[in-house]
Amino acid sequence: MSNIYCSVNTCHYWDKGNICAANEIMVTSDNLAAERPDTLDAPNHAQFPTTPVDDCMATCCKTFVRKGSGDERLDGVKKTT
């Protein structure tokens, strides 16, 4: 098992030790993320085109959900802990 580390503690999937507790994540380019709805995420990964970028500043984790927002994922991403 691999760990995904995340320091964004305002995310629903954040867990102590800066661990991402989502059962899967989707990382894509900022440009594509801005074009796609929040419900298009990791379970739909095959629908995403490849999105080459030149540096990490042009990437985005689409799996983010603000902690306590009540906006539970509608696309099948689940919190593992």
PDB file of N, CA and C in Angstrom:
ATOM      1  N   MET A   1       0.841  -1.184   0.000  1.00  0.00           N
ATOM      2  CA  MET A   1       0.000   0.000   0.000  1.00  0.00           C
ATOM      3  C   MET A   1       0.881   1.240   0.000  1.00  0.00           C
ATOM      4  N   SER A   2       0.541   2.189  -0.828  1.00  0.00           N
ATOM      5  CA  SER A   2       1.255   3.461  -0.878  1.00  0.00           C
ATOM      6  C   SER A   2       0.495   4.498  -0.076  1.00  0.00           C
ATOM      7  N   ASN A   3       1.223   5.414   0.493  1.00  0.00           N
ATOM      8  CA  ASN A   3       0.582   6.541   1.166  1.00  0.00           C
ATOM      9  C   ASN A   3       0.612   7.753   0.257  1.00  0.00           C
ATOM     10  N   ILE A   4      -0.445   8.504   0.275  1.00  0.00           N
ATOM     11  CA  ILE A   4      -0.503   9.806  -0.369  1.00  0.00           C
ATOM     12  C   ILE A   4      -0.478  10.816   0.763  1.00  0.00           C
ATOM     13  N   TYR A   5       0.465  11.722   0.716  1.00  0.00           N
ATOM     14  CA  TYR A   5       0.608  12.712   1.772  1.00  0.00           C
ATOM     15  C   TYR A   5      -0.011  14.022   1.326  1.00  0.00           C
ATOM     16  N   CYS A   6      -0.697  14.677   2.239  1.00  0.00           N
ATOM     17  CA  CYS A   6      -1.388  15.925   1.939  1.00  0.00           C
ATOM     18  C   CYS A   6      -1.404  16.793   3.194  1.00  0.00           C
ATOM     19  N   SER A   7      -1.019  18.039   3.059  1.00  0.00           N
ATOM     20  CA  SER A   7      -1.005  18.943   4.207  1.00  0.00           C
ATOM     21  C   SER A   7      -2.231  19.848   4.266  1.00  0.00           C
ATOM     22  N   VAL A   8      -3.203  19.631   3.388  1.00  0.00           N
ATOM     23  CA  VAL A   8      -4.405  20.474   3.344  1.00  0.00           C
ATOM     24  C   VAL A   8      -5.410  19.942   4.361  1.00  0.00           C
ATOM     25  N   ASN A   9      -5.278  20.402   5.602  1.00  0.00           N
ATOM     26  CA  ASN A   9      -6.102  19.849   6.686  1.00  0.00           C
ATOM     27  C   ASN A   9      -7.544  20.335   6.678  1.00  0.00           C
ATOM     28  N   THR A  10      -7.908  21.161   5.717  1.00  0.00           N
ATOM     29  CA  THR A  10      -9.309  21.559   5.570  1.00  0.00           C
ATOM     30  C   THR A  10     -10.041  20.645   4.592  1.00  0.00           C
ATOM     31  N   CYS A  11      -9.384  19.588   4.137  1.00  0.00           N
ATOM     32  CA  CYS A  11     -10.002  18.633   3.218  1.00  0.00           C
ATOM     33  C   CYS A  11     -10.676  17.503   3.997  1.00  0.00           C
ATOM     34  N   HIS A  12     -11.809  17.077   3.516  1.00  0.00           N
ATOM     35  CA  HIS A  12     -12.560  15.968   4.106  1.00  0.00           C
ATOM     36  C   HIS A  12     -11.707  14.707   4.229  1.00  0.00           C
ATOM     37  N   TYR A  13     -10.804  14.481   3.287  1.00  0.00           N
ATOM     38  CA  TYR A  13     -10.009  13.259   3.249  1.00  0.00           C
ATOM     39  C   TYR A  13      -8.703  13.355   4.035  1.00  0.00           C
ATOM     40  N   TRP A  14      -8.369  14.520   4.586  1.00  0.00           N
ATOM     41  CA  TRP A  14      -7.138  14.682   5.359  1.00  0.00           C
ATOM     42  C   TRP A  14      -7.241  13.887   6.653  1.00  0.00           C
ATOM     43  N   ASP A  15      -6.124  13.248   7.034  1.00  0.00           N
ATOM     44  CA  ASP A  15      -6.072  12.507   8.292  1.00  0.00           C
ATOM     45  C   ASP A  15      -4.769  12.846   8.996  1.00  0.00           C
ATOM     46  N   LYS A  16      -4.734  12.599  10.293  1.00  0.00           N
ATOM     47  CA  LYS A  16      -3.553  12.936  11.085  1.00  0.00           C
ATOM     48  C   LYS A  16      -2.291  12.354  10.451  1.00  0.00           C
ATOM     49  N   GLY A  17      -1.204  13.064  10.617  1.00  0.00           N
ATOM     50  CA  GLY A  17       0.043  12.668   9.993  1.00  0.00           C
ATOM     51  C   GLY A  17       0.142  13.129   8.544  1.00  0.00           C
ATOM     52  N   ASN A  18      -0.759  14.035   8.151  1.00  0.00           N
ATOM     53  CA  ASN A  18      -0.805  14.550   6.779  1.00  0.00           C
ATOM     54  C   ASN A  18      -0.989  13.433   5.749  1.00  0.00           C
ATOM     55  N   ILE A  19      -1.893  12.519   6.064  1.00  0.00           N
ATOM     56  CA  ILE A  19      -2.219  11.403   5.173  1.00  0.00           C
ATOM     57  C   ILE A  19      -3.527  11.709   4.442  1.00  0.00           C
ATOM     58  N   CYS A  20      -3.569  11.416   3.151  1.00  0.00           N
ATOM     59  CA  CYS A  20      -4.816  11.503   2.396  1.00  0.00           C
ATOM     60  C   CYS A  20      -5.545  10.180   2.595  1.00  0.00           C
ATOM     61  N   ALA A  21      -6.740  10.248   3.164  1.00  0.00           N
ATOM     62  CA  ALA A  21      -7.500   9.039   3.472  1.00  0.00           C
ATOM     63  C   ALA A  21      -8.556   8.724   2.410  1.00  0.00           C
ATOM     64  N   ALA A  22      -8.452   9.337   1.238  1.00  0.00           N
ATOM     65  CA  ALA A  22      -9.368   8.988   0.144  1.00  0.00           C
ATOM     66  C   ALA A  22      -8.957   7.625  -0.407  1.00  0.00           C
ATOM     67  N   ASN A  23      -9.923   6.817  -0.768  1.00  0.00           N
ATOM     68  CA  ASN A  23      -9.585   5.490  -1.297  1.00  0.00           C
ATOM     69  C   ASN A  23      -8.974   5.571  -2.689  1.00  0.00           C
ATOM     70  N   GLU A  24      -9.111   6.704  -3.354  1.00  0.00           N
ATOM     71  CA  GLU A  24      -8.452   6.964  -4.630  1.00  0.00           C
ATOM     72  C   GLU A  24      -8.470   8.474  -4.856  1.00  0.00           C
ATOM     73  N   ILE A  25      -7.537   8.969  -5.655  1.00  0.00           N
ATOM     74  CA  ILE A  25      -7.483  10.398  -5.952  1.00  0.00           C
ATOM     75  C   ILE A  25      -7.301  10.597  -7.450  1.00  0.00           C
ATOM     76  N   MET A  26      -7.607  11.793  -7.903  1.00  0.00           N
ATOM     77  CA  MET A  26      -7.382  12.176  -9.291  1.00  0.00           C
ATOM     78  C   MET A  26      -6.561  13.445  -9.307  1.00  0.00           C
ATOM     79  N   VAL A  27      -5.394  13.389  -9.912  1.00  0.00           N
ATOM     80  CA  VAL A  27      -4.548  14.558 -10.100  1.00  0.00           C
ATOM     81  C   VAL A  27      -4.512  14.841 -11.590  1.00  0.00           C
ATOM     82  N   THR A  28      -4.763  16.082 -11.954  1.00  0.00           N
ATOM     83  CA  THR A  28      -4.780  16.469 -13.361  1.00  0.00           C
ATOM     84  C   THR A  28      -4.226  17.872 -13.498  1.00  0.00           C
ATOM     85  N   SER A  29      -4.290  18.425 -14.681  1.00  0.00           N
ATOM     86  CA  SER A  29      -3.827  19.795 -14.883  1.00  0.00           C
ATOM     87  C   SER A  29      -4.859  20.776 -14.339  1.00  0.00           C
ATOM     88  N   ASP A  30      -4.392  21.934 -13.911  1.00  0.00           N
ATOM     89  CA  ASP A  30      -5.307  22.979 -13.451  1.00  0.00           C
ATOM     90  C   ASP A  30      -6.327  23.323 -14.530  1.00  0.00           C
ATOM     91  N   ASN A  31      -5.874  23.408 -15.767  1.00  0.00           N
ATOM     92  CA  ASN A  31      -6.772  23.783 -16.860  1.00  0.00           C
ATOM     93  C   ASN A  31      -7.922  22.789 -17.017  1.00  0.00           C
ATOM     94  N   LEU A  32      -7.621  21.512 -17.047  1.00  0.00           N
ATOM     95  CA  LEU A  32      -8.683  20.521 -17.200  1.00  0.00           C
ATOM     96  C   LEU A  32      -9.585  20.493 -15.968  1.00  0.00           C
ATOM     97  N   ALA A  33      -9.015  20.615 -14.791  1.00  0.00           N
ATOM     98  CA  ALA A  33      -9.818  20.610 -13.564  1.00  0.00           C
ATOM     99  C   ALA A  33     -10.825  21.750 -13.560  1.00  0.00           C
ATOM    100  N   ALA A  34     -10.433  22.903 -14.073  1.00  0.00           N
ATOM    101  CA  ALA A  34     -11.339  24.053 -14.120  1.00  0.00           C
ATOM    102  C   ALA A  34     -12.495  23.822 -15.093  1.00  0.00           C
ATOM    103  N   GLU A  35     -12.278  22.985 -16.086  1.00  0.00           N
ATOM    104  CA  GLU A  35     -13.303  22.718 -17.098  1.00  0.00           C
ATOM    105  C   GLU A  35     -14.290  21.631 -16.685  1.00  0.00           C
ATOM    106  N   ARG A  36     -13.913  20.781 -15.748  1.00  0.00           N
ATOM    107  CA  ARG A  36     -14.722  19.615 -15.403  1.00  0.00           C
ATOM    108  C   ARG A  36     -15.452  19.822 -14.079  1.00  0.00           C
ATOM    109  N   PRO A  37     -16.648  19.284 -13.946  1.00  0.00           N
ATOM    110  CA  PRO A  37     -17.393  19.412 -12.683  1.00  0.00           C
ATOM    111  C   PRO A  37     -16.719  18.616 -11.565  1.00  0.00           C
ATOM    112  N   ASP A  38     -17.004  19.011 -10.327  1.00  0.00           N
ATOM    113  CA  ASP A  38     -16.417  18.328  -9.164  1.00  0.00           C
ATOM    114  C   ASP A  38     -16.777  16.852  -9.109  1.00  0.00           C
ATOM    115  N   THR A  39     -17.890  16.469  -9.685  1.00  0.00           N
ATOM    116  CA  THR A  39     -18.294  15.065  -9.622  1.00  0.00           C
ATOM    117  C   THR A  39     -17.523  14.185 -10.593  1.00  0.00           C
ATOM    118  N   LEU A  40     -16.731  14.769 -11.487  1.00  0.00           N
ATOM    119  CA  LEU A  40     -15.880  13.983 -12.379  1.00  0.00           C
ATOM    120  C   LEU A  40     -14.525  13.861 -11.713  1.00  0.00           C
ATOM    121  N   ASP A  41     -14.271  12.711 -11.076  1.00  0.00           N
ATOM    122  CA  ASP A  41     -13.090  12.532 -10.246  1.00  0.00           C
ATOM    123  C   ASP A  41     -12.503  11.146 -10.487  1.00  0.00           C
ATOM    124  N   ALA A  42     -11.753  10.639  -9.550  1.00  0.00           N
ATOM    125  CA  ALA A  42     -10.979   9.410  -9.691  1.00  0.00           C
ATOM    126  C   ALA A  42     -11.750   8.222 -10.272  1.00  0.00           C
ATOM    127  N   PRO A  43     -12.975   7.943  -9.829  1.00  0.00           N
ATOM    128  CA  PRO A  43     -13.666   6.792 -10.399  1.00  0.00           C
ATOM    129  C   PRO A  43     -13.914   6.923 -11.906  1.00  0.00           C
ATOM    130  N   ASN A  44     -13.813   8.138 -12.435  1.00  0.00           N
ATOM    131  CA  ASN A  44     -14.028   8.378 -13.855  1.00  0.00           C
ATOM    132  C   ASN A  44     -12.713   8.628 -14.591  1.00  0.00           C
ATOM    133  N   HIS A  45     -11.613   8.142 -14.042  1.00  0.00           N
ATOM    134  CA  HIS A  45     -10.286   8.456 -14.577  1.00  0.00           C
ATOM    135  C   HIS A  45     -10.129   8.130 -16.059  1.00  0.00           C
ATOM    136  N   ALA A  46     -10.794   7.134 -16.543  1.00  0.00           N
ATOM    137  CA  ALA A  46     -10.652   6.750 -17.949  1.00  0.00           C
ATOM    138  C   ALA A  46     -11.254   7.788 -18.894  1.00  0.00           C
ATOM    139  N   GLN A  47     -12.125   8.649 -18.391  1.00  0.00           N
ATOM    140  CA  GLN A  47     -12.730   9.690 -19.216  1.00  0.00           C
ATOM    141  C   GLN A  47     -11.827  10.912 -19.376  1.00  0.00           C
ATOM    142  N   PHE A  48     -10.746  10.997 -18.578  1.00  0.00           N
ATOM    143  CA  PHE A  48      -9.847  12.143 -18.640  1.00  0.00           C
ATOM    144  C   PHE A  48      -8.820  11.940 -19.745  1.00  0.00           C
ATOM    145  N   PRO A  49      -8.574  12.976 -20.553  1.00  0.00           N
ATOM    146  CA  PRO A  49      -7.469  12.877 -21.500  1.00  0.00           C
ATOM    147  C   PRO A  49      -6.152  13.041 -20.752  1.00  0.00           C
ATOM    148  N   THR A  50      -5.051  12.706 -21.374  1.00  0.00           N
ATOM    149  CA  THR A  50      -3.765  12.991 -20.745  1.00  0.00           C
ATOM    150  C   THR A  50      -3.591  14.504 -20.700  1.00  0.00           C
ATOM    151  N   THR A  51      -2.910  14.993 -19.662  1.00  0.00           N
ATOM    152  CA  THR A  51      -2.800  16.442 -19.456  1.00  0.00           C
ATOM    153  C   THR A  51      -1.362  16.825 -19.118  1.00  0.00           C
ATOM    154  N   PRO A  52      -0.466  16.827 -20.098  1.00  0.00           N
ATOM    155  CA  PRO A  52       0.920  17.176 -19.803  1.00  0.00           C
ATOM    156  C   PRO A  52       1.047  18.616 -19.293  1.00  0.00           C
ATOM    157  N   VAL A  53       1.920  18.803 -18.322  1.00  0.00           N
ATOM    158  CA  VAL A  53       2.221  20.131 -17.784  1.00  0.00           C
ATOM    159  C   VAL A  53       3.736  20.261 -17.650  1.00  0.00           C
ATOM    160  N   ASP A  54       4.199  21.484 -17.426  1.00  0.00           N
ATOM    161  CA  ASP A  54       5.635  21.734 -17.328  1.00  0.00           C
ATOM    162  C   ASP A  54       6.168  21.746 -15.903  1.00  0.00           C
ATOM    163  N   ASP A  55       5.279  21.958 -14.903  1.00  0.00           N
ATOM    164  CA  ASP A  55       5.739  21.972 -13.512  1.00  0.00           C
ATOM    165  C   ASP A  55       4.575  21.690 -12.560  1.00  0.00           C
ATOM    166  N   CYS A  56       4.896  21.451 -11.308  1.00  0.00           N
ATOM    167  CA  CYS A  56       3.872  21.059 -10.333  1.00  0.00           C
ATOM    168  C   CYS A  56       2.843  22.168 -10.084  1.00  0.00           C
ATOM    169  N   MET A  57       3.207  23.411 -10.329  1.00  0.00           N
ATOM    170  CA  MET A  57       2.274  24.521 -10.115  1.00  0.00           C
ATOM    171  C   MET A  57       1.081  24.462 -11.076  1.00  0.00           C
ATOM    172  N   ALA A  58       1.157  23.658 -12.095  1.00  0.00           N
ATOM    173  CA  ALA A  58       0.077  23.544 -13.071  1.00  0.00           C
ATOM    174  C   ALA A  58      -0.778  22.308 -12.830  1.00  0.00           C
ATOM    175  N   THR A  59      -0.629  21.671 -11.655  1.00  0.00           N
ATOM    176  CA  THR A  59      -1.397  20.464 -11.354  1.00  0.00           C
ATOM    177  C   THR A  59      -2.414  20.719 -10.248  1.00  0.00           C
ATOM    178  N   CYS A  60      -3.391  19.827 -10.156  1.00  0.00           N
ATOM    179  CA  CYS A  60      -4.504  20.014  -9.236  1.00  0.00           C
ATOM    180  C   CYS A  60      -5.030  18.661  -8.779  1.00  0.00           C
ATOM    181  N   CYS A  61      -5.324  18.538  -7.484  1.00  0.00           N
ATOM    182  CA  CYS A  61      -5.989  17.349  -6.959  1.00  0.00           C
ATOM    183  C   CYS A  61      -7.489  17.588  -7.013  1.00  0.00           C
ATOM    184  N   LYS A  62      -8.202  16.873  -7.876  1.00  0.00           N
ATOM    185  CA  LYS A  62      -9.646  17.058  -8.005  1.00  0.00           C
ATOM    186  C   LYS A  62     -10.432  16.413  -6.875  1.00  0.00           C
ATOM    187  N   THR A  63      -9.795  15.629  -6.052  1.00  0.00           N
ATOM    188  CA  THR A  63     -10.501  14.895  -5.010  1.00  0.00           C
ATOM    189  C   THR A  63     -10.803  15.762  -3.786  1.00  0.00           C
ATOM    190  N   PHE A  64     -10.263  16.969  -3.707  1.00  0.00           N
ATOM    191  CA  PHE A  64     -10.486  17.851  -2.557  1.00  0.00           C
ATOM    192  C   PHE A  64     -11.971  18.115  -2.322  1.00  0.00           C
ATOM    193  N   VAL A  65     -12.398  17.966  -1.067  1.00  0.00           N
ATOM    194  CA  VAL A  65     -13.726  18.357  -0.602  1.00  0.00           C
ATOM    195  C   VAL A  65     -13.507  19.053   0.737  1.00  0.00           C
ATOM    196  N   ARG A  66     -14.018  20.258   0.884  1.00  0.00           N
ATOM    197  CA  ARG A  66     -13.812  21.002   2.130  1.00  0.00           C
ATOM    198  C   ARG A  66     -14.425  20.246   3.305  1.00  0.00           C
ATOM    199  N   LYS A  67     -13.619  20.063   4.347  1.00  0.00           N
ATOM    200  CA  LYS A  67     -14.057  19.366   5.553  1.00  0.00           C
ATOM    201  C   LYS A  67     -15.269  20.066   6.153  1.00  0.00           C
ATOM    202  N   GLY A  68     -16.278  19.301   6.527  1.00  0.00           N
ATOM    203  CA  GLY A  68     -17.476  19.841   7.164  1.00  0.00           C
ATOM    204  C   GLY A  68     -18.429  20.549   6.217  1.00  0.00           C
ATOM    205  N   SER A  69     -18.181  20.489   4.923  1.00  0.00           N
ATOM    206  CA  SER A  69     -19.018  21.207   3.962  1.00  0.00           C
ATOM    207  C   SER A  69     -20.350  20.505   3.715  1.00  0.00           C
ATOM    208  N   GLY A  70     -20.434  19.226   4.069  1.00  0.00           N
ATOM    209  CA  GLY A  70     -21.641  18.460   3.777  1.00  0.00           C
ATOM    210  C   GLY A  70     -21.706  18.038   2.321  1.00  0.00           C
ATOM    211  N   ASP A  71     -20.672  18.384   1.552  1.00  0.00           N
ATOM    212  CA  ASP A  71     -20.620  18.048   0.130  1.00  0.00           C
ATOM    213  C   ASP A  71     -19.917  16.710  -0.043  1.00  0.00           C
ATOM    214  N   GLU A  72     -20.523  15.657   0.465  1.00  0.00           N
ATOM    215  CA  GLU A  72     -19.927  14.331   0.323  1.00  0.00           C
ATOM    216  C   GLU A  72     -19.833  13.986  -1.150  1.00  0.00           C
ATOM    217  N   ARG A  73     -18.822  13.248  -1.480  1.00  0.00           N
ATOM    218  CA  ARG A  73     -18.589  12.924  -2.888  1.00  0.00           C
ATOM    219  C   ARG A  73     -19.757  12.127  -3.459  1.00  0.00           C
ATOM    220  N   LEU A  74     -20.162  12.505  -4.634  1.00  0.00           N
ATOM    221  CA  LEU A  74     -21.242  11.811  -5.331  1.00  0.00           C
ATOM    222  C   LEU A  74     -20.680  10.834  -6.357  1.00  0.00           C
ATOM    223  N   ASP A  75     -19.353  10.758  -6.448  1.00  0.00           N
ATOM    224  CA  ASP A  75     -18.742   9.989  -7.531  1.00  0.00           C
ATOM    225  C   ASP A  75     -18.085   8.714  -7.062  1.00  0.00           C
ATOM    226  N   GLY A  76     -18.271   8.308  -5.825  1.00  0.00           N
ATOM    227  CA  GLY A  76     -17.740   7.029  -5.371  1.00  0.00           C
ATOM    228  C   GLY A  76     -16.437   7.094  -4.608  1.00  0.00           C
ATOM    229  N   VAL A  77     -15.828   8.277  -4.449  1.00  0.00           N
ATOM    230  CA  VAL A  77     -14.611   8.367  -3.641  1.00  0.00           C
ATOM    231  C   VAL A  77     -15.045   8.282  -2.189  1.00  0.00           C
ATOM    232  N   LYS A  78     -14.360   7.431  -1.433  1.00  0.00           N
ATOM    233  CA  LYS A  78     -14.731   7.228  -0.030  1.00  0.00           C
ATOM    234  C   LYS A  78     -13.529   7.496   0.871  1.00  0.00           C
ATOM    235  N   LYS A  79     -13.812   7.887   2.100  1.00  0.00           N
ATOM    236  CA  LYS A  79     -12.765   8.070   3.100  1.00  0.00           C
ATOM    237  C   LYS A  79     -12.441   6.709   3.686  1.00  0.00           C
ATOM    238  N   THR A  80     -11.159   6.370   3.750  1.00  0.00           N
ATOM    239  CA  THR A  80     -10.770   5.031   4.169  1.00  0.00           C
ATOM    240  C   THR A  80     -10.666   4.872   5.672  1.00  0.00           C
ATOM    241  N   THR A  81     -10.642   5.956   6.422  1.00  0.00           N
ATOM    242  CA  THR A  81     -10.538   5.839   7.891  1.00  0.00           C
ATOM    243  C   THR A  81     -11.723   6.458   8.566  1.00  0.00           C
TER     244      THR A  81
END
